[in-house]
Amino acid sequence: MGIGLVHAKQKLRRTLSARTRNTLATSNVPKGHVAVYVGEDNKKRFVIPISYLNHPLFQDLLDRAEEEFGFNHPMGGLTIPCSEEHFVRITTILNS
């Protein structure tokens, strides 16, 4: 496990509360994935592989989420503060 993935997992743990982790674990998220909410007005739920957390582009999104929401995410899960289009562009890059 690389240093970047360890750092990303630690950041994710700080971001999500115990209640949220329990909710995400039981809400049809496959093993090795995490649910995130993305969008400016209407939040859309995406399920992404945890391997994305290690990538610098995604770590930038996690930093932005931490700056904007701290430990209190309005959707109950990890909320990414960017447009849906921007998020899809990043996940497309990470998927290729």
Protein backbone atom coordinates (compact mmCIF):
# COMPACT_ATOMS: atom_id res chain seq x y z
CA MET A 1 0.00 0.00 0.00
CA GLY A 2 1.55 3.30 -1.06
CA ILE A 3 2.00 6.34 1.13
CA GLY A 4 -0.54 8.29 -0.95
CA LEU A 5 -3.26 5.69 -0.39
CA VAL A 6 -2.56 5.65 3.35
CA HIS A 7 -2.82 9.46 3.42
CA ALA A 8 -6.06 9.38 1.42
CA LYS A 9 -7.59 6.74 3.70
CA GLN A 10 -6.66 8.77 6.78
CA LYS A 11 -8.22 11.88 5.26
CA LEU A 12 -11.36 9.93 4.38
CA ARG A 13 -11.61 8.56 7.92
CA ARG A 14 -11.31 12.07 9.34
CA THR A 15 -13.99 13.28 6.96
CA LEU A 16 -16.62 10.60 7.55
CA SER A 17 -18.27 10.11 10.91
CA ALA A 18 -18.83 6.65 12.40
CA ARG A 19 -22.55 6.91 11.61
CA THR A 20 -21.84 7.75 8.01
CA ARG A 21 -19.40 4.86 7.61
CA ASN A 22 -22.06 2.47 8.95
CA THR A 23 -24.67 3.92 6.58
CA LEU A 24 -22.35 3.66 3.58
CA ALA A 25 -21.44 0.09 4.44
CA THR A 26 -25.08 -0.98 4.27
CA SER A 27 -26.29 1.09 1.32
CA ASN A 28 -25.38 -1.19 -1.61
CA VAL A 29 -21.80 0.00 -1.98
CA PRO A 30 -19.68 -2.90 -3.28
CA LYS A 31 -16.58 -3.90 -1.38
CA GLY A 32 -13.63 -1.78 -2.48
CA HIS A 33 -15.83 1.22 -3.34
CA VAL A 34 -17.13 4.33 -1.62
CA ALA A 35 -20.20 6.47 -2.27
CA VAL A 36 -19.73 10.19 -2.84
CA TYR A 37 -22.19 13.00 -3.51
CA VAL A 38 -21.35 15.49 -6.24
CA GLY A 39 -22.96 18.61 -7.62
CA GLU A 40 -23.54 22.25 -6.91
CA ASP A 41 -27.31 22.35 -6.31
CA ASN A 42 -28.74 18.87 -6.72
CA LYS A 43 -26.28 16.32 -5.41
CA LYS A 44 -25.88 13.12 -7.41
CA ARG A 45 -24.58 9.93 -5.81
CA PHE A 46 -21.61 8.19 -7.42
CA VAL A 47 -19.99 4.93 -6.31
CA ILE A 48 -16.27 4.96 -7.06
CA PRO A 49 -13.40 2.53 -6.49
CA ILE A 50 -11.28 3.33 -3.44
CA SER A 51 -8.22 3.19 -5.73
CA TYR A 52 -9.24 6.68 -6.93
CA LEU A 53 -8.43 8.02 -3.46
CA ASN A 54 -4.72 7.53 -4.14
CA HIS A 55 -4.63 9.72 -7.25
CA PRO A 56 -3.46 13.36 -6.88
CA LEU A 57 -6.46 14.65 -8.90
CA PHE A 58 -8.87 13.00 -6.50
CA GLN A 59 -6.84 14.01 -3.45
CA ASP A 60 -7.31 17.60 -4.60
CA LEU A 61 -11.08 17.05 -4.51
CA LEU A 62 -10.77 15.57 -1.00
CA ASP A 63 -8.80 18.63 0.11
CA ARG A 64 -11.51 20.89 -1.28
CA ALA A 65 -14.20 18.84 0.51
CA GLU A 66 -12.28 19.10 3.77
CA GLU A 67 -11.87 22.87 3.36
CA GLU A 68 -15.54 23.44 2.55
CA PHE A 69 -17.29 20.97 4.83
CA GLY A 70 -14.76 19.90 7.46
CA PHE A 71 -16.29 16.97 9.28
CA ASN A 72 -19.93 17.92 8.66
CA HIS A 73 -21.10 16.74 5.24
CA PRO A 74 -24.66 17.85 4.40
CA MET A 75 -25.63 14.67 2.54
CA GLY A 76 -24.48 12.37 5.34
CA GLY A 77 -21.77 10.92 3.10
CA LEU A 78 -18.67 12.33 1.51
CA THR A 79 -19.72 15.42 -0.46
CA ILE A 80 -17.41 16.64 -3.22
CA PRO A 81 -17.76 20.41 -3.86
CA CYS A 82 -17.49 20.57 -7.63
CA SER A 83 -19.75 20.38 -10.64
CA GLU A 84 -20.94 17.01 -11.82
CA GLU A 85 -19.25 17.64 -15.19
CA HIS A 86 -15.87 18.30 -13.53
CA PHE A 87 -16.20 15.15 -11.41
CA VAL A 88 -17.08 13.03 -14.46
CA ARG A 89 -14.04 14.43 -16.32
CA ILE A 90 -11.75 13.49 -13.42
CA THR A 91 -13.21 10.00 -13.00
CA THR A 92 -12.92 9.45 -16.77
CA ILE A 93 -9.21 10.30 -16.56
CA LEU A 94 -8.78 8.00 -13.56
CA ASN A 95 -10.66 5.20 -15.29
CA SER A 96 -8.39 5.19 -18.34
